[in-house]
Amino acid sequence: MRTPAWPAATSDAREWTADGPYSAALREGRGPLFLRRADGWLLPLEVERWCAEPDPVDQEVLGRCEGAVLDVGCGPGRLVAALAERGRPVLGIDVSEAAVARTVDLGGPALRRSVFEPLPGEGRWDTALLMDGNVGIGGDPRVLLRRLARLLRPGGLLIAEVAPVDVDERVEVQVVHQADVAVGAGELFPWARVGARALLQHAGRVGWRAVDQWTAGGRCFAALRSRTRRTSAEPPKSTAVMSSQRAR
């Protein structure tokens, strides 16, 4: 098990390529697909739900969003498209070409980009979303939370979907189709699984404040606020380049 170093924690992109099982599942709109741990343990991925219209649980999350929204790991774009349809400023980012293409096809703006790469509007987003287990991106929740604090405006809102069990683990996984679960396929990459308690502990240690927790439809969520002001030790925010970017 290894933890990516800040700020180059971009290994989340390795197994989410155009020819990988994840991209193939998104193009077809169905699984079965799994995250496979090195010891063979499997976490099912809910491809059909991700490719469907936002369900009532999603709709509640969308209703909590404030201002301009950045959907980190937007997948096939159901939330980005729904927010765009409401007239909300929104951008989805994902390292999967198929995910970005599907989001754009739905009418949602999206970029093929890792959260650890330079992004439009750094330091000015009002809300960030980490849905569908994306709190695991990069394999280290604290690194990810620090990065998101730099992307949001001071006092910005983070809504994160966490594991429905009390867990805090950093692992290496593969994305595999059902046919490959016995042997695995492709390289391992860092991932994390955290429940609500673990997320709040990590968040508190890097300057976030918990504002709400809720459970709906068997899914668990936490809402956090970033620091209301930036410290002198933090690097200056990058210049927003939204106008010079285009969705792929």
Protein backbone atom coordinates (compact mmCIF):
# COMPACT_ATOMS: atom_id res chain seq x y z
CA MET A 1 0.00 0.00 0.00
CA ARG A 2 1.38 3.43 -0.85
CA THR A 3 0.18 6.99 -0.46
CA PRO A 4 0.65 9.44 -3.36
CA ALA A 5 2.76 12.51 -2.67
CA TRP A 6 1.21 15.98 -2.86
CA PRO A 7 0.63 17.56 -5.33
CA ALA A 8 1.26 14.93 -8.00
CA ALA A 9 -1.33 12.43 -6.81
CA THR A 10 -2.60 11.68 -10.29
CA SER A 11 -2.41 7.89 -10.27
CA ASP A 12 -6.20 7.80 -10.08
CA ALA A 13 -6.09 8.14 -13.86
CA ARG A 14 -4.14 4.97 -14.56
CA GLU A 15 -6.95 2.46 -14.86
CA TRP A 16 -9.70 4.78 -16.17
CA THR A 17 -8.57 4.92 -19.78
CA ALA A 18 -10.63 4.87 -22.97
CA ASP A 19 -10.06 1.13 -23.40
CA GLY A 20 -10.50 0.09 -19.77
CA PRO A 21 -13.44 -1.83 -18.27
CA TYR A 22 -14.81 1.32 -16.59
CA SER A 23 -15.04 3.21 -19.87
CA ALA A 24 -16.57 0.21 -21.61
CA ALA A 25 -19.21 -0.05 -18.88
CA LEU A 26 -20.07 3.64 -19.19
CA ARG A 27 -20.48 3.37 -22.94
CA GLU A 28 -22.89 0.46 -22.45
CA GLY A 29 -24.53 1.99 -19.39
CA ARG A 30 -24.27 -1.20 -17.34
CA GLY A 31 -21.93 -3.48 -15.36
CA PRO A 32 -21.20 -5.67 -13.58
CA LEU A 33 -18.06 -3.83 -12.53
CA PHE A 34 -16.00 -3.92 -9.35
CA LEU A 35 -13.11 -2.37 -7.51
CA ARG A 36 -10.89 -5.34 -6.68
CA ARG A 37 -8.47 -5.10 -3.77
CA ALA A 38 -5.11 -6.87 -3.99
CA ASP A 39 -6.38 -9.59 -1.62
CA GLY A 40 -9.37 -10.30 -3.88
CA TRP A 41 -12.02 -8.39 -1.91
CA LEU A 42 -14.60 -6.81 -4.25
CA LEU A 43 -16.57 -3.56 -4.06
CA PRO A 44 -19.44 -3.46 -6.59
CA LEU A 45 -19.70 -0.29 -8.67
CA GLU A 46 -23.25 0.93 -9.34
CA VAL A 47 -22.84 1.69 -13.03
CA GLU A 48 -26.55 1.43 -13.84
CA ARG A 49 -27.46 3.99 -11.16
CA TRP A 50 -24.67 6.34 -12.24
CA CYS A 51 -25.90 6.22 -15.84
CA ALA A 52 -29.55 6.79 -14.92
CA GLU A 53 -31.41 10.01 -14.10
CA PRO A 54 -30.72 11.46 -10.63
CA ASP A 55 -32.79 9.58 -8.06
CA PRO A 56 -34.50 11.18 -5.04
CA VAL A 57 -31.34 10.79 -2.95
CA ASP A 58 -29.33 12.62 -5.62
CA GLN A 59 -32.01 15.29 -5.86
CA GLU A 60 -31.67 16.05 -2.16
CA VAL A 61 -27.93 16.52 -2.62
CA LEU A 62 -28.51 18.82 -5.59
CA GLY A 63 -30.92 20.88 -3.50
CA ARG A 64 -28.19 21.47 -0.93
CA CYS A 65 -25.66 22.80 -3.45
CA GLU A 66 -24.75 26.48 -3.31
CA GLY A 67 -23.59 28.78 -6.11
CA ALA A 68 -21.11 27.40 -8.64
CA VAL A 69 -20.58 23.65 -8.29
CA LEU A 70 -17.53 21.51 -9.08
CA ASP A 71 -18.35 17.78 -9.38
CA VAL A 72 -15.10 15.91 -8.72
CA GLY A 73 -15.11 12.53 -10.44
CA CYS A 74 -18.38 13.32 -12.21
CA GLY A 75 -18.60 9.93 -13.94
CA PRO A 76 -21.27 9.78 -16.67
CA GLY A 77 -22.55 13.19 -15.59
CA ARG A 78 -26.05 12.74 -14.19
CA LEU A 79 -25.52 15.41 -11.52
CA VAL A 80 -23.67 17.86 -13.76
CA ALA A 81 -26.40 17.67 -16.39
CA ALA A 82 -29.14 18.10 -13.78
CA LEU A 83 -27.47 21.18 -12.30
CA ALA A 84 -26.88 22.66 -15.76
CA GLU A 85 -30.56 22.11 -16.58
CA ARG A 86 -31.44 24.12 -13.47
CA GLY A 87 -29.26 26.97 -14.73
CA ARG A 88 -26.63 26.42 -12.04
CA PRO A 89 -22.98 27.20 -12.93
CA VAL A 90 -21.35 23.76 -12.84
CA LEU A 91 -18.33 21.86 -14.11
CA GLY A 92 -17.65 18.15 -13.98
CA ILE A 93 -14.12 16.77 -14.00
CA ASP A 94 -13.15 13.15 -14.55
CA VAL A 95 -10.04 11.32 -15.73
CA SER A 96 -12.14 9.01 -17.91
CA GLU A 97 -12.60 10.10 -21.51
CA ALA A 98 -15.82 8.08 -21.74
CA ALA A 99 -17.20 9.76 -18.60
CA VAL A 100 -16.49 13.25 -19.92
CA ALA A 101 -17.96 12.42 -23.33
CA ARG A 102 -21.16 11.06 -21.76
CA THR A 103 -21.48 14.12 -19.50
CA VAL A 104 -21.13 16.48 -22.44
CA ASP A 105 -23.67 14.44 -24.44
CA LEU A 106 -26.13 14.97 -21.59
CA GLY A 107 -25.63 18.72 -21.82
CA GLY A 108 -23.25 19.14 -18.87
CA PRO A 109 -19.91 20.97 -19.13
CA ALA A 110 -17.00 18.69 -18.28
CA LEU A 111 -13.23 18.47 -18.58
CA ARG A 112 -10.98 15.44 -18.67
CA ARG A 113 -8.83 16.37 -15.73
CA SER A 114 -7.60 15.00 -12.40
CA VAL A 115 -8.54 16.99 -9.31
CA PHE A 116 -4.79 17.26 -8.62
CA GLU A 117 -4.12 19.08 -11.89
CA PRO A 118 -4.70 22.82 -12.48
CA LEU A 119 -8.41 23.56 -12.77
CA PRO A 120 -10.58 26.50 -13.85
CA GLY A 121 -11.72 28.87 -11.12
CA GLU A 122 -9.40 27.65 -8.38
CA GLY A 123 -10.30 29.25 -5.07
CA ARG A 124 -13.69 30.46 -6.27
CA TRP A 125 -16.01 27.44 -6.36
CA ASP A 126 -18.92 27.61 -3.91
CA THR A 127 -19.64 23.87 -3.68
CA ALA A 128 -17.64 20.72 -4.39
CA LEU A 129 -19.19 17.27 -4.73
CA LEU A 130 -17.52 13.96 -3.92
CA MET A 131 -20.29 11.52 -4.77
CA ASP A 132 -20.40 7.75 -5.29
CA GLY A 133 -17.35 7.01 -3.12
CA ASN A 134 -15.09 9.61 -4.74
CA VAL A 135 -13.75 10.58 -1.33
CA GLY A 136 -11.38 7.70 -2.13
CA ILE A 137 -9.69 9.50 -5.04
CA GLY A 138 -5.90 9.49 -4.68
CA GLY A 139 -5.84 7.09 -1.75
CA ASP A 140 -5.39 9.72 1.01
CA PRO A 141 -8.46 11.62 2.27
CA ARG A 142 -6.42 14.37 3.94
CA VAL A 143 -4.50 15.12 0.75
CA LEU A 144 -7.77 15.29 -1.17
CA LEU A 145 -9.42 17.51 1.47
CA ARG A 146 -6.49 19.93 1.42
CA ARG A 147 -6.74 20.14 -2.36
CA LEU A 148 -10.48 20.78 -2.25
CA ALA A 149 -10.00 23.55 0.30
CA ARG A 150 -7.82 25.33 -2.26
CA LEU A 151 -10.43 24.88 -4.98
CA LEU A 152 -13.31 26.29 -2.92
CA ARG A 153 -13.79 29.87 -1.82
CA PRO A 154 -13.21 30.48 1.91
CA GLY A 155 -16.19 28.98 3.75
CA GLY A 156 -17.15 26.91 0.72
CA LEU A 157 -19.30 23.78 0.96
CA LEU A 158 -18.19 20.19 0.40
CA ILE A 159 -20.77 17.42 0.13
CA ALA A 160 -19.19 13.97 0.34
CA GLU A 161 -20.78 10.55 0.07
CA VAL A 162 -19.08 8.19 2.50
CA ALA A 163 -19.10 4.46 3.08
CA PRO A 164 -22.23 3.25 4.93
CA VAL A 165 -20.00 1.41 7.43
CA ASP A 166 -17.42 2.54 9.98
CA VAL A 167 -14.25 2.11 7.96
CA ASP A 168 -10.99 3.98 7.36
CA GLU A 169 -8.67 2.19 4.96
CA ARG A 170 -6.16 3.07 2.28
CA VAL A 171 -5.78 0.33 -0.26
CA GLU A 172 -4.72 -0.45 -3.79
CA VAL A 173 -7.40 -1.56 -6.21
CA GLN A 174 -8.11 -2.49 -9.81
CA VAL A 175 -11.22 -1.81 -11.85
CA VAL A 176 -12.37 -5.19 -13.11
CA HIS A 177 -15.27 -6.65 -15.04
CA GLN A 178 -17.06 -9.68 -13.62
CA ALA A 179 -15.11 -11.95 -15.97
CA ASP A 180 -11.82 -10.80 -14.42
CA VAL A 181 -12.65 -10.87 -10.72
CA ALA A 182 -10.80 -14.11 -10.03
CA VAL A 183 -7.45 -12.99 -11.38
CA GLY A 184 -7.68 -9.21 -11.65
CA ALA A 185 -6.55 -7.13 -14.61
CA GLY A 186 -4.41 -4.06 -15.04
CA GLU A 187 -2.28 -2.13 -12.58
CA LEU A 188 -3.22 -1.37 -9.01
CA PHE A 189 -3.85 2.25 -8.02
CA PRO A 190 -4.40 3.98 -4.65
CA TRP A 191 -7.91 4.28 -3.27
CA ALA A 192 -9.49 4.99 0.11
CA ARG A 193 -12.69 3.92 1.87
CA VAL A 194 -13.89 6.05 4.75
CA GLY A 195 -17.08 6.17 6.76
CA ALA A 196 -18.58 9.33 8.24
CA ARG A 197 -16.64 9.22 11.51
CA ALA A 198 -13.29 8.76 9.77
CA LEU A 199 -14.02 11.53 7.26
CA LEU A 200 -14.91 13.99 10.01
CA GLN A 201 -11.73 13.12 11.88
CA HIS A 202 -9.58 13.66 8.80
CA ALA A 203 -11.45 16.83 7.91
CA GLY A 204 -11.06 18.36 11.35
CA ARG A 205 -7.31 17.83 11.27
CA VAL A 206 -6.94 19.81 8.04
CA GLY A 207 -9.21 22.71 8.89
CA TRP A 208 -12.71 21.68 7.79
CA ARG A 209 -15.84 22.11 9.92
CA ALA A 210 -18.67 19.57 9.87
CA VAL A 211 -22.10 21.12 9.33
CA ASP A 212 -24.40 18.15 8.65
CA GLN A 213 -24.69 14.39 8.25
CA TRP A 214 -27.57 12.39 6.82
CA THR A 215 -28.54 8.99 5.47
CA ALA A 216 -31.00 8.38 2.63
CA GLY A 217 -31.75 5.32 0.53
CA GLY A 218 -29.01 3.36 2.27
CA ARG A 219 -26.41 5.98 1.30
CA CYS A 220 -24.52 8.21 3.76
CA PHE A 221 -23.40 11.81 3.37
CA ALA A 222 -21.51 14.52 5.20
CA ALA A 223 -21.45 18.27 4.56
CA LEU A 224 -18.35 20.27 5.50
CA ARG A 225 -17.27 23.91 5.39
CA SER A 226 -13.76 25.02 4.53
CA ARG A 227 -11.94 27.64 6.57
CA THR A 228 -13.54 31.07 6.31
CA ARG A 229 -10.19 32.70 5.58
CA ARG A 230 -6.92 31.57 4.08
CA THR A 231 -3.70 31.46 6.07
CA SER A 232 -0.46 33.09 4.93
CA ALA A 233 1.06 29.60 4.64
CA GLU A 234 -1.33 28.63 1.87
CA PRO A 235 -0.22 29.20 -1.73
CA PRO A 236 -2.10 31.86 -3.71
CA LYS A 237 -5.00 30.58 -5.77
CA SER A 238 -4.38 30.11 -9.45
CA THR A 239 -5.94 32.46 -11.96
CA ALA A 240 -9.33 31.26 -13.13
CA VAL A 241 -9.23 30.08 -16.73
CA MET A 242 -12.83 29.04 -17.22
CA SER A 243 -13.24 31.22 -20.28
CA SER A 244 -10.27 29.65 -22.01
CA GLN A 245 -11.33 26.07 -21.38
CA ARG A 246 -13.79 24.08 -23.39
CA ALA A 247 -15.55 20.85 -22.56
CA ARG A 248 -14.22 17.82 -24.41
